[in-house]
Amino acid sequence: MPKRLLKLHDWGLRFIGPLLLFMLAFSSCDKKNGEDGNIPTSPEKFRQLTEAGFRSLIQTTDFDAADTAFVFISPNGTRVKINGSCLRKNDQAVSGTVTLEFYDAFLTRDMLLANKATMGRNSSGELEPMKTGGQFYINVKQNGEALSITCPVKVASNTLLTGNYDPQMTAWDGFFTNGNLVWEPATSWTIAMGEQGRTYQMEFPGFGWFNCDKLYADPRPKTPLTIQVPTAYADASIVYAIIKDEPHSLGLAAYGVWPVGIELYLVFVTEENGQYKWLSREVTVTNGHTESFDPSQATIGSKEQLTTFLNSLD
């Protein structure tokens, strides 16, 4: 069975956003299970599935652009305050009804369903897993057209959702590479303690992806993971890395470096007939670690069934 080895070494090169370098190798065995690309999914179908998962978690609401102190509170209790007079379309002030799109996630399961991991770039330029105090997406549209804003968007999130206030939490901006979200330290906004430690107070400089996070900061030696999947699934699947006993972190197994000795759940996820298809494995990372996944052994189910499975992980 031909397999594509997804082994990513992050050398910290940057142009616009992060640049990630893949090392690809191939091995072969008997011709079966999609060598010719005849598999029950495709990169586009998988992208549609993950996008649907993300969209299912977005909250939307309309408000008047004349409102200078519009406040939205998410189901997680996150407060978003927007000055509508600062909204702009083609550099012109906006009037009338506008629509807020807002996503916040604090738990591994929600981040996985949305395909929004917590991998952050360290001081050496490598990607490492992070623990989140909340990741956020904010956008405002009018008649389907994205708007900009000239003053900060104020957000307050509940620290109890991720285990009380942590002064090591810092600000991160989100960028996309190869369709996956990764994070870099923010330079235009910071995080402050609010309400005697009950909230993280943030002022985002505009719309987009923002994160209140900290690097996992494990002192042990680090190693990249080599992940093997059949070649035809290379662009139609993701292998996530979930740190055991850490419900506020979601890694991308083939990205960055991982502490030797850390215990992970590796979860292969793909699509079949509009449903999720997943296969998990519990591992302890060794130096030069390699794992192989056979999609024929995976479980097929709905978003709710995948959520139930993710909730069963410790």
C-alpha atoms as a PDB file:
ATOM      1  CA  MET A   1       0.000   0.000   0.000  1.00  0.00           C
ATOM      2  CA  PRO A   2       1.659   3.288  -1.001  1.00  0.00           C
ATOM      3  CA  LYS A   3       1.986   5.707   1.821  1.00  0.00           C
ATOM      4  CA  ARG A   4       2.936   9.331   1.967  1.00  0.00           C
ATOM      5  CA  LEU A   5       5.055  10.196   4.972  1.00  0.00           C
ATOM      6  CA  LEU A   6       3.898  13.496   6.381  1.00  0.00           C
ATOM      7  CA  LYS A   7       6.920  14.677   8.321  1.00  0.00           C
ATOM      8  CA  LEU A   8       7.123  18.385   8.936  1.00  0.00           C
ATOM      9  CA  HIS A   9      10.272  20.163  10.071  1.00  0.00           C
ATOM     10  CA  ASP A  10       9.568  23.797  10.934  1.00  0.00           C
ATOM     11  CA  TRP A  11      12.686  25.879  10.366  1.00  0.00           C
ATOM     12  CA  GLY A  12      10.941  29.120  11.263  1.00  0.00           C
ATOM     13  CA  LEU A  13      11.125  30.697   7.803  1.00  0.00           C
ATOM     14  CA  ARG A  14       8.634  33.509   7.286  1.00  0.00           C
ATOM     15  CA  PHE A  15       7.325  35.437   4.337  1.00  0.00           C
ATOM     16  CA  ILE A  16       3.640  36.446   4.704  1.00  0.00           C
ATOM     17  CA  GLY A  17       2.496  34.342   7.629  1.00  0.00           C
ATOM     18  CA  PRO A  18       4.324  31.128   8.538  1.00  0.00           C
ATOM     19  CA  LEU A  19       6.044  29.016   5.936  1.00  0.00           C
ATOM     20  CA  LEU A  20       6.117  25.294   6.724  1.00  0.00           C
ATOM     21  CA  LEU A  21       8.423  22.877   4.938  1.00  0.00           C
ATOM     22  CA  PHE A  22       7.233  19.309   4.334  1.00  0.00           C
ATOM     23  CA  MET A  23       9.616  16.392   3.921  1.00  0.00           C
ATOM     24  CA  LEU A  24       7.876  13.828   1.763  1.00  0.00           C
ATOM     25  CA  ALA A  25       8.920  10.231   1.201  1.00  0.00           C
ATOM     26  CA  PHE A  26       7.201   7.206  -0.258  1.00  0.00           C
ATOM     27  CA  SER A  27       7.060   3.502   0.446  1.00  0.00           C
ATOM     28  CA  SER A  28       5.122   0.839  -1.433  1.00  0.00           C
ATOM     29  CA  CYS A  29       3.421  -2.497  -0.988  1.00  0.00           C
ATOM     30  CA  ASP A  30       0.518  -4.250  -2.670  1.00  0.00           C
ATOM     31  CA  LYS A  31      -1.673  -2.131  -4.931  1.00  0.00           C
ATOM     32  CA  LYS A  32      -4.934  -1.543  -3.065  1.00  0.00           C
ATOM     33  CA  ASN A  33      -6.918   0.930  -0.982  1.00  0.00           C
ATOM     34  CA  GLY A  34      -6.773   3.889  -3.292  1.00  0.00           C
ATOM     35  CA  GLU A  35      -3.376   3.819  -4.991  1.00  0.00           C
ATOM     36  CA  ASP A  36      -5.160   5.104  -8.081  1.00  0.00           C
ATOM     37  CA  GLY A  37      -7.047   7.719  -6.047  1.00  0.00           C
ATOM     38  CA  ASN A  38     -10.256   5.673  -6.029  1.00  0.00           C
ATOM     39  CA  ILE A  39     -11.151   6.340  -2.402  1.00  0.00           C
ATOM     40  CA  PRO A  40     -14.546   7.271  -0.917  1.00  0.00           C
ATOM     41  CA  THR A  41     -13.530  10.895  -0.324  1.00  0.00           C
ATOM     42  CA  SER A  42     -11.498  13.719  -1.836  1.00  0.00           C
ATOM     43  CA  PRO A  43      -9.619  16.774  -0.588  1.00  0.00           C
ATOM     44  CA  GLU A  44     -12.597  18.941  -1.534  1.00  0.00           C
ATOM     45  CA  LYS A  45     -15.120  16.723   0.277  1.00  0.00           C
ATOM     46  CA  PHE A  46     -12.919  16.692   3.368  1.00  0.00           C
ATOM     47  CA  ARG A  47     -12.536  20.475   3.229  1.00  0.00           C
ATOM     48  CA  GLN A  48     -16.319  20.834   2.970  1.00  0.00           C
ATOM     49  CA  LEU A  49     -16.773  18.582   6.018  1.00  0.00           C
ATOM     50  CA  THR A  50     -14.339  20.529   8.198  1.00  0.00           C
ATOM     51  CA  GLU A  51     -15.790  23.841   7.013  1.00  0.00           C
ATOM     52  CA  ALA A  52     -19.275  22.607   7.918  1.00  0.00           C
ATOM     53  CA  GLY A  53     -17.970  21.640  11.360  1.00  0.00           C
ATOM     54  CA  PHE A  54     -16.574  25.133  11.849  1.00  0.00           C
ATOM     55  CA  ARG A  55     -19.742  26.816  10.559  1.00  0.00           C
ATOM     56  CA  SER A  56     -21.878  24.741  12.937  1.00  0.00           C
ATOM     57  CA  LEU A  57     -20.079  26.400  15.866  1.00  0.00           C
ATOM     58  CA  ILE A  58     -20.313  30.015  14.638  1.00  0.00           C
ATOM     59  CA  GLN A  59     -22.759  32.319  16.381  1.00  0.00           C
ATOM     60  CA  THR A  60     -24.397  35.065  14.298  1.00  0.00           C
ATOM     61  CA  THR A  61     -26.479  38.080  15.226  1.00  0.00           C
ATOM     62  CA  ASP A  62     -27.576  41.306  13.560  1.00  0.00           C
ATOM     63  CA  PHE A  63     -27.116  44.795  14.993  1.00  0.00           C
ATOM     64  CA  ASP A  64     -27.365  48.392  13.868  1.00  0.00           C
ATOM     65  CA  ALA A  65     -24.112  50.012  12.787  1.00  0.00           C
ATOM     66  CA  ALA A  66     -25.286  53.158  14.593  1.00  0.00           C
ATOM     67  CA  ASP A  67     -24.887  51.314  17.917  1.00  0.00           C
ATOM     68  CA  THR A  68     -21.692  52.615  19.499  1.00  0.00           C
ATOM     69  CA  ALA A  69     -21.713  50.038  22.316  1.00  0.00           C
ATOM     70  CA  PHE A  70     -23.096  46.831  20.838  1.00  0.00           C
ATOM     71  CA  VAL A  71     -22.539  43.840  23.158  1.00  0.00           C
ATOM     72  CA  PHE A  72     -22.823  40.160  22.253  1.00  0.00           C
ATOM     73  CA  ILE A  73     -22.514  37.329  24.788  1.00  0.00           C
ATOM     74  CA  SER A  74     -21.679  33.871  23.445  1.00  0.00           C
ATOM     75  CA  PRO A  75     -23.054  30.590  24.857  1.00  0.00           C
ATOM     76  CA  ASN A  76     -19.664  30.229  26.575  1.00  0.00           C
ATOM     77  CA  GLY A  77     -20.169  33.573  28.301  1.00  0.00           C
ATOM     78  CA  THR A  78     -17.624  35.476  26.182  1.00  0.00           C
ATOM     79  CA  ARG A  79     -18.523  39.172  25.931  1.00  0.00           C
ATOM     80  CA  VAL A  80     -17.859  41.006  22.675  1.00  0.00           C
ATOM     81  CA  LYS A  81     -18.208  44.807  22.510  1.00  0.00           C
ATOM     82  CA  ILE A  82     -18.141  46.636  19.175  1.00  0.00           C
ATOM     83  CA  ASN A  83     -18.438  50.335  18.392  1.00  0.00           C
ATOM     84  CA  GLY A  84     -20.549  50.283  15.237  1.00  0.00           C
ATOM     85  CA  SER A  85     -19.476  53.806  14.260  1.00  0.00           C
ATOM     86  CA  CYS A  86     -15.983  52.418  13.589  1.00  0.00           C
ATOM     87  CA  LEU A  87     -17.198  49.944  10.949  1.00  0.00           C
ATOM     88  CA  ARG A  88     -16.027  50.620   7.404  1.00  0.00           C
ATOM     89  CA  LYS A  89     -16.861  49.365   3.913  1.00  0.00           C
ATOM     90  CA  ASN A  90     -14.341  50.429   1.269  1.00  0.00           C
ATOM     91  CA  ASP A  91     -13.016  52.964   3.806  1.00  0.00           C
ATOM     92  CA  GLN A  92     -16.458  54.543   4.156  1.00  0.00           C
ATOM     93  CA  ALA A  93     -18.581  54.615   7.303  1.00  0.00           C
ATOM     94  CA  VAL A  94     -21.325  51.988   7.402  1.00  0.00           C
ATOM     95  CA  SER A  95     -25.002  52.506   8.156  1.00  0.00           C
ATOM     96  CA  GLY A  96     -27.871  50.077   8.568  1.00  0.00           C
ATOM     97  CA  THR A  97     -27.974  46.464   9.713  1.00  0.00           C
ATOM     98  CA  VAL A  98     -24.769  44.433   9.914  1.00  0.00           C
ATOM     99  CA  THR A  99     -24.124  40.819  10.941  1.00  0.00           C
ATOM    100  CA  LEU A 100     -21.624  39.635  13.532  1.00  0.00           C
ATOM    101  CA  GLU A 101     -20.003  36.207  13.075  1.00  0.00           C
ATOM    102  CA  PHE A 102     -18.362  34.927  16.250  1.00  0.00           C
ATOM    103  CA  TYR A 103     -16.673  31.680  17.230  1.00  0.00           C
ATOM    104  CA  ASP A 104     -15.018  30.850  20.524  1.00  0.00           C
ATOM    105  CA  ALA A 105     -13.565  27.519  21.594  1.00  0.00           C
ATOM    106  CA  PHE A 106     -12.038  26.348  24.854  1.00  0.00           C
ATOM    107  CA  LEU A 107     -12.257  22.558  24.571  1.00  0.00           C
ATOM    108  CA  THR A 108     -10.392  20.071  22.391  1.00  0.00           C
ATOM    109  CA  ARG A 109     -13.595  18.642  20.926  1.00  0.00           C
ATOM    110  CA  ASP A 110     -14.819  21.993  19.596  1.00  0.00           C
ATOM    111  CA  MET A 111     -11.426  22.879  18.156  1.00  0.00           C
ATOM    112  CA  LEU A 112     -11.215  19.512  16.396  1.00  0.00           C
ATOM    113  CA  LEU A 113     -14.706  19.757  14.904  1.00  0.00           C
ATOM    114  CA  ALA A 114     -13.799  23.219  13.619  1.00  0.00           C
ATOM    115  CA  ASN A 115     -10.324  22.055  12.483  1.00  0.00           C
ATOM    116  CA  LYS A 116      -8.723  24.883  14.463  1.00  0.00           C
ATOM    117  CA  ALA A 117      -5.679  23.608  16.313  1.00  0.00           C
ATOM    118  CA  THR A 118      -3.428  25.265  18.911  1.00  0.00           C
ATOM    119  CA  MET A 119       0.087  25.069  17.483  1.00  0.00           C
ATOM    120  CA  GLY A 120       2.210  28.137  18.244  1.00  0.00           C
ATOM    121  CA  ARG A 121       5.590  29.324  17.038  1.00  0.00           C
ATOM    122  CA  ASN A 122       8.243  29.420  19.761  1.00  0.00           C
ATOM    123  CA  SER A 123      11.239  31.754  20.025  1.00  0.00           C
ATOM    124  CA  SER A 124      13.270  29.388  17.818  1.00  0.00           C
ATOM    125  CA  GLY A 125      10.665  29.539  15.056  1.00  0.00           C
ATOM    126  CA  GLU A 126       9.405  25.991  15.616  1.00  0.00           C
ATOM    127  CA  LEU A 127       5.779  25.082  16.163  1.00  0.00           C
ATOM    128  CA  GLU A 128       4.866  23.615  19.557  1.00  0.00           C
ATOM    129  CA  PRO A 129       1.550  22.597  21.136  1.00  0.00           C
ATOM    130  CA  MET A 130      -0.173  25.237  23.224  1.00  0.00           C
ATOM    131  CA  LYS A 131      -2.793  25.316  25.960  1.00  0.00           C
ATOM    132  CA  THR A 132      -5.598  27.747  25.268  1.00  0.00           C
ATOM    133  CA  GLY A 133      -7.469  30.199  27.418  1.00  0.00           C
ATOM    134  CA  GLY A 134      -9.774  30.653  24.444  1.00  0.00           C
ATOM    135  CA  GLN A 135      -9.480  30.964  20.672  1.00  0.00           C
ATOM    136  CA  PHE A 136     -11.683  33.451  18.847  1.00  0.00           C
ATOM    137  CA  TYR A 137     -12.860  34.321  15.355  1.00  0.00           C
ATOM    138  CA  ILE A 138     -14.632  37.638  14.801  1.00  0.00           C
ATOM    139  CA  ASN A 139     -16.053  39.047  11.582  1.00  0.00           C
ATOM    140  CA  VAL A 140     -18.744  41.561  10.680  1.00  0.00           C
ATOM    141  CA  LYS A 141     -20.483  41.606   7.313  1.00  0.00           C
ATOM    142  CA  GLN A 142     -23.121  43.605   5.528  1.00  0.00           C
ATOM    143  CA  ASN A 143     -25.084  41.886   2.777  1.00  0.00           C
ATOM    144  CA  GLY A 144     -22.427  39.166   2.752  1.00  0.00           C
ATOM    145  CA  GLU A 145     -19.515  41.590   2.304  1.00  0.00           C
ATOM    146  CA  ALA A 146     -16.810  41.636   4.963  1.00  0.00           C
ATOM    147  CA  LEU A 147     -16.283  44.944   6.758  1.00  0.00           C
ATOM    148  CA  SER A 148     -13.259  46.442   8.500  1.00  0.00           C
ATOM    149  CA  ILE A 149     -13.101  48.404  11.730  1.00  0.00           C
ATOM    150  CA  THR A 150     -11.028  51.390  12.846  1.00  0.00           C
ATOM    151  CA  CYS A 151     -11.181  50.903  16.624  1.00  0.00           C
ATOM    152  CA  PRO A 152     -10.503  47.882  18.855  1.00  0.00           C
ATOM    153  CA  VAL A 153     -12.967  45.049  19.375  1.00  0.00           C
ATOM    154  CA  LYS A 154     -13.199  44.453  23.126  1.00  0.00           C
ATOM    155  CA  VAL A 155     -13.533  40.842  24.296  1.00  0.00           C
ATOM    156  CA  ALA A 156     -13.726  39.355  27.789  1.00  0.00           C
ATOM    157  CA  SER A 157     -13.597  35.586  28.281  1.00  0.00           C
ATOM    158  CA  ASN A 158     -14.246  33.547  31.429  1.00  0.00           C
ATOM    159  CA  THR A 159     -11.056  32.174  32.996  1.00  0.00           C
ATOM    160  CA  LEU A 160     -12.991  29.409  34.779  1.00  0.00           C
ATOM    161  CA  LEU A 161     -13.546  27.723  31.403  1.00  0.00           C
ATOM    162  CA  THR A 162      -9.858  26.798  31.257  1.00  0.00           C
ATOM    163  CA  GLY A 163      -8.897  26.412  34.892  1.00  0.00           C
ATOM    164  CA  ASN A 164      -8.782  29.907  36.458  1.00  0.00           C
ATOM    165  CA  TYR A 165      -6.637  32.913  35.576  1.00  0.00           C
ATOM    166  CA  ASP A 166      -3.135  32.134  34.300  1.00  0.00           C
ATOM    167  CA  PRO A 167      -0.707  35.103  34.088  1.00  0.00           C
ATOM    168  CA  GLN A 168       1.382  33.193  31.523  1.00  0.00           C
ATOM    169  CA  MET A 169      -1.362  33.454  28.900  1.00  0.00           C
ATOM    170  CA  THR A 170      -0.288  35.728  26.051  1.00  0.00           C
ATOM    171  CA  ALA A 171      -1.718  37.087  22.812  1.00  0.00           C
ATOM    172  CA  TRP A 172      -1.508  35.191  19.507  1.00  0.00           C
ATOM    173  CA  ASP A 173      -2.644  35.911  15.951  1.00  0.00           C
ATOM    174  CA  GLY A 174      -3.862  33.147  13.650  1.00  0.00           C
ATOM    175  CA  PHE A 175      -2.549  32.387  10.147  1.00  0.00           C
ATOM    176  CA  PHE A 176      -3.425  29.658   7.687  1.00  0.00           C
ATOM    177  CA  THR A 177      -0.901  27.377   6.002  1.00  0.00           C
ATOM    178  CA  ASN A 178      -1.918  24.437   3.819  1.00  0.00           C
ATOM    179  CA  GLY A 179      -5.478  24.997   5.048  1.00  0.00           C
ATOM    180  CA  ASN A 180      -4.540  24.595   8.727  1.00  0.00           C
ATOM    181  CA  LEU A 181      -4.572  27.282  11.398  1.00  0.00           C
ATOM    182  CA  VAL A 182      -1.305  27.999  13.224  1.00  0.00           C
ATOM    183  CA  TRP A 183      -0.418  30.785  15.647  1.00  0.00           C
ATOM    184  CA  GLU A 184       2.277  33.432  16.026  1.00  0.00           C
ATOM    185  CA  PRO A 185       2.872  35.814  18.944  1.00  0.00           C
ATOM    186  CA  ALA A 186       0.795  38.972  18.510  1.00  0.00           C
ATOM    187  CA  THR A 187       2.490  42.358  18.379  1.00  0.00           C
ATOM    188  CA  SER A 188      -0.542  44.673  18.197  1.00  0.00           C
ATOM    189  CA  TRP A 189      -2.588  43.591  21.222  1.00  0.00           C
ATOM    190  CA  THR A 190      -2.141  42.153  24.711  1.00  0.00           C
ATOM    191  CA  ILE A 191      -4.087  40.383  27.455  1.00  0.00           C
ATOM    192  CA  ALA A 192      -5.008  41.868  30.828  1.00  0.00           C
ATOM    193  CA  MET A 193      -6.575  40.398  33.931  1.00  0.00           C
ATOM    194  CA  GLY A 194     -10.148  41.474  34.488  1.00  0.00           C
ATOM    195  CA  GLU A 195     -12.694  41.234  37.301  1.00  0.00           C
ATOM    196  CA  GLN A 196     -10.105  40.099  39.882  1.00  0.00           C
ATOM    197  CA  GLY A 197      -8.986  37.189  37.717  1.00  0.00           C
ATOM    198  CA  ARG A 198     -12.396  36.052  36.543  1.00  0.00           C
ATOM    199  CA  THR A 199     -11.838  37.183  32.947  1.00  0.00           C
ATOM    200  CA  TYR A 200      -9.160  37.684  30.328  1.00  0.00           C
ATOM    201  CA  GLN A 201      -9.586  41.200  28.898  1.00  0.00           C
ATOM    202  CA  MET A 202      -8.563  41.640  25.269  1.00  0.00           C
ATOM    203  CA  GLU A 203      -8.777  44.407  22.673  1.00  0.00           C
ATOM    204  CA  PHE A 204      -8.374  42.996  19.176  1.00  0.00           C
ATOM    205  CA  PRO A 205      -7.082  45.443  16.527  1.00  0.00           C
ATOM    206  CA  GLY A 206      -9.600  44.267  13.925  1.00  0.00           C
ATOM    207  CA  PHE A 207     -11.369  41.170  12.696  1.00  0.00           C
ATOM    208  CA  GLY A 208      -9.860  37.712  12.195  1.00  0.00           C
ATOM    209  CA  TRP A 209      -8.331  34.966  14.359  1.00  0.00           C
ATOM    210  CA  PHE A 210      -7.052  35.614  17.876  1.00  0.00           C
ATOM    211  CA  ASN A 211      -5.925  33.387  20.725  1.00  0.00           C
ATOM    212  CA  CYS A 212      -5.327  33.697  24.465  1.00  0.00           C
ATOM    213  CA  ASP A 213      -2.738  30.920  24.825  1.00  0.00           C
ATOM    214  CA  LYS A 214       0.572  29.782  26.211  1.00  0.00           C
ATOM    215  CA  LEU A 215       3.121  27.321  24.873  1.00  0.00           C
ATOM    216  CA  TYR A 216       2.889  23.951  26.590  1.00  0.00           C
ATOM    217  CA  ALA A 217       6.487  24.566  27.712  1.00  0.00           C
ATOM    218  CA  ASP A 218       7.499  20.968  28.361  1.00  0.00           C
ATOM    219  CA  PRO A 219      11.226  20.907  29.254  1.00  0.00           C
ATOM    220  CA  ARG A 220      11.900  17.471  27.753  1.00  0.00           C
ATOM    221  CA  PRO A 221      13.804  17.061  24.454  1.00  0.00           C
ATOM    222  CA  LYS A 222      11.640  17.563  21.354  1.00  0.00           C
ATOM    223  CA  THR A 223      11.127  15.448  18.234  1.00  0.00           C
ATOM    224  CA  PRO A 224       9.032  15.735  15.074  1.00  0.00           C
ATOM    225  CA  LEU A 225       6.419  13.052  14.429  1.00  0.00           C
ATOM    226  CA  THR A 226       6.321  11.138  11.152  1.00  0.00           C
ATOM    227  CA  ILE A 227       2.750  10.285  10.199  1.00  0.00           C
ATOM    228  CA  GLN A 228       2.037   7.697   7.507  1.00  0.00           C
ATOM    229  CA  VAL A 229      -1.279   7.534   5.644  1.00  0.00           C
ATOM    230  CA  PRO A 230      -2.117   6.070   2.224  1.00  0.00           C
ATOM    231  CA  THR A 231      -1.028   8.473  -0.499  1.00  0.00           C
ATOM    232  CA  ALA A 232      -4.575   9.098  -1.711  1.00  0.00           C
ATOM    233  CA  TYR A 233      -5.548  10.324   1.785  1.00  0.00           C
ATOM    234  CA  ALA A 234      -2.613  12.700   2.193  1.00  0.00           C
ATOM    235  CA  ASP A 235      -4.684  15.772   1.257  1.00  0.00           C
ATOM    236  CA  ALA A 236      -8.031  14.358   2.431  1.00  0.00           C
ATOM    237  CA  SER A 237      -7.301  13.751   6.104  1.00  0.00           C
ATOM    238  CA  ILE A 238      -5.669  15.202   9.198  1.00  0.00           C
ATOM    239  CA  VAL A 239      -4.012  13.464  12.113  1.00  0.00           C
ATOM    240  CA  TYR A 240      -4.593  15.438  15.291  1.00  0.00           C
ATOM    241  CA  ALA A 241      -2.519  15.103  18.457  1.00  0.00           C
ATOM    242  CA  ILE A 242      -4.406  15.415  21.739  1.00  0.00           C
ATOM    243  CA  ILE A 243      -2.319  15.676  24.888  1.00  0.00           C
ATOM    244  CA  LYS A 244      -3.580  13.229  27.488  1.00  0.00           C
ATOM    245  CA  ASP A 245      -5.264  14.891  30.482  1.00  0.00           C
ATOM    246  CA  GLU A 246      -5.205  18.265  28.699  1.00  0.00           C
ATOM    247  CA  PRO A 247      -8.716  19.214  27.511  1.00  0.00           C
ATOM    248  CA  HIS A 248      -7.733  22.695  26.286  1.00  0.00           C
ATOM    249  CA  SER A 249      -5.197  21.832  23.584  1.00  0.00           C
ATOM    250  CA  LEU A 250      -5.318  20.450  20.043  1.00  0.00           C
ATOM    251  CA  GLY A 251      -2.199  19.708  18.034  1.00  0.00           C
ATOM    252  CA  LEU A 252      -1.469  18.819  14.430  1.00  0.00           C
ATOM    253  CA  ALA A 253       0.621  15.668  14.666  1.00  0.00           C
ATOM    254  CA  ALA A 254       2.715  16.250  11.537  1.00  0.00           C
ATOM    255  CA  TYR A 255       3.542  19.847  12.442  1.00  0.00           C
ATOM    256  CA  GLY A 256       6.338  21.114  14.642  1.00  0.00           C
ATOM    257  CA  VAL A 257       8.006  19.246  17.483  1.00  0.00           C
ATOM    258  CA  TRP A 258       6.736  17.239  20.454  1.00  0.00           C
ATOM    259  CA  PRO A 259       8.253  16.432  23.861  1.00  0.00           C
ATOM    260  CA  VAL A 260       9.799  12.985  24.038  1.00  0.00           C
ATOM    261  CA  GLY A 261       7.830  10.993  26.603  1.00  0.00           C
ATOM    262  CA  ILE A 262       4.578  12.952  26.319  1.00  0.00           C
ATOM    263  CA  GLU A 263       1.400  10.850  26.144  1.00  0.00           C
ATOM    264  CA  LEU A 264      -0.871  11.611  23.190  1.00  0.00           C
ATOM    265  CA  TYR A 265      -4.021  10.435  21.511  1.00  0.00           C
ATOM    266  CA  LEU A 266      -3.362  10.517  17.775  1.00  0.00           C
ATOM    267  CA  VAL A 267      -6.671  10.846  15.942  1.00  0.00           C
ATOM    268  CA  PHE A 268      -6.806  10.292  12.170  1.00  0.00           C
ATOM    269  CA  VAL A 269      -9.851  12.073  10.697  1.00  0.00           C
ATOM    270  CA  THR A 270     -11.178  11.924   7.148  1.00  0.00           C
ATOM    271  CA  GLU A 271     -14.552  11.992   5.364  1.00  0.00           C
ATOM    272  CA  GLU A 272     -16.787   9.341   3.840  1.00  0.00           C
ATOM    273  CA  ASN A 273     -20.254   9.911   2.354  1.00  0.00           C
ATOM    274  CA  GLY A 274     -20.615  13.229   4.127  1.00  0.00           C
ATOM    275  CA  GLN A 275     -19.767  11.777   7.535  1.00  0.00           C
ATOM    276  CA  TYR A 276     -16.681  11.747   9.712  1.00  0.00           C
ATOM    277  CA  LYS A 277     -14.350   8.791   9.617  1.00  0.00           C
ATOM    278  CA  TRP A 278     -11.826   8.485  12.418  1.00  0.00           C
ATOM    279  CA  LEU A 279      -9.226   6.194  13.941  1.00  0.00           C
ATOM    280  CA  SER A 280      -7.395   6.849  17.200  1.00  0.00           C
ATOM    281  CA  ARG A 281      -4.319   5.528  18.933  1.00  0.00           C
ATOM    282  CA  GLU A 282      -2.782   6.222  22.329  1.00  0.00           C
ATOM    283  CA  VAL A 283       0.997   6.677  22.160  1.00  0.00           C
ATOM    284  CA  THR A 284       3.957   7.775  24.218  1.00  0.00           C
ATOM    285  CA  VAL A 285       6.232   9.857  21.997  1.00  0.00           C
ATOM    286  CA  THR A 286       9.706   8.463  21.370  1.00  0.00           C
ATOM    287  CA  ASN A 287      12.617  10.136  19.612  1.00  0.00           C
ATOM    288  CA  GLY A 288      12.016   9.987  15.856  1.00  0.00           C
ATOM    289  CA  HIS A 289       8.482   8.686  16.426  1.00  0.00           C
ATOM    290  CA  THR A 290       6.562   7.214  13.451  1.00  0.00           C
ATOM    291  CA  GLU A 291       2.890   6.176  13.318  1.00  0.00           C
ATOM    292  CA  SER A 292       0.915   4.635  10.439  1.00  0.00           C
ATOM    293  CA  PHE A 293      -2.865   4.742   9.932  1.00  0.00           C
ATOM    294  CA  ASP A 294      -5.032   2.401   7.851  1.00  0.00           C
ATOM    295  CA  PRO A 295      -8.377   4.085   6.962  1.00  0.00           C
ATOM    296  CA  SER A 296     -10.029   0.697   6.393  1.00  0.00           C
ATOM    297  CA  GLN A 297      -9.955   0.210  10.182  1.00  0.00           C
ATOM    298  CA  ALA A 298     -11.632   3.549  10.951  1.00  0.00           C
ATOM    299  CA  THR A 299     -15.062   4.239  12.432  1.00  0.00           C
ATOM    300  CA  ILE A 300     -17.676   6.151  10.407  1.00  0.00           C
ATOM    301  CA  GLY A 301     -20.186   8.355  12.182  1.00  0.00           C
ATOM    302  CA  SER A 302     -21.930  11.688  12.574  1.00  0.00           C
ATOM    303  CA  LYS A 303     -20.595  14.851  14.189  1.00  0.00           C
ATOM    304  CA  GLU A 304     -22.491  13.894  17.340  1.00  0.00           C
ATOM    305  CA  GLN A 305     -20.918  10.429  17.395  1.00  0.00           C
ATOM    306  CA  LEU A 306     -17.438  11.878  16.897  1.00  0.00           C
ATOM    307  CA  THR A 307     -18.147  14.344  19.712  1.00  0.00           C
ATOM    308  CA  THR A 308     -19.167  11.476  21.999  1.00  0.00           C
ATOM    309  CA  PHE A 309     -15.904   9.706  21.178  1.00  0.00           C
ATOM    310  CA  LEU A 310     -13.835  12.825  21.866  1.00  0.00           C
ATOM    311  CA  ASN A 311     -15.638  13.320  25.177  1.00  0.00           C
ATOM    312  CA  SER A 312     -14.581   9.797  26.192  1.00  0.00           C
ATOM    313  CA  LEU A 313     -10.881  10.688  25.994  1.00  0.00           C
ATOM    314  CA  ASP A 314      -9.247  11.676  29.261  1.00  0.00           C
END
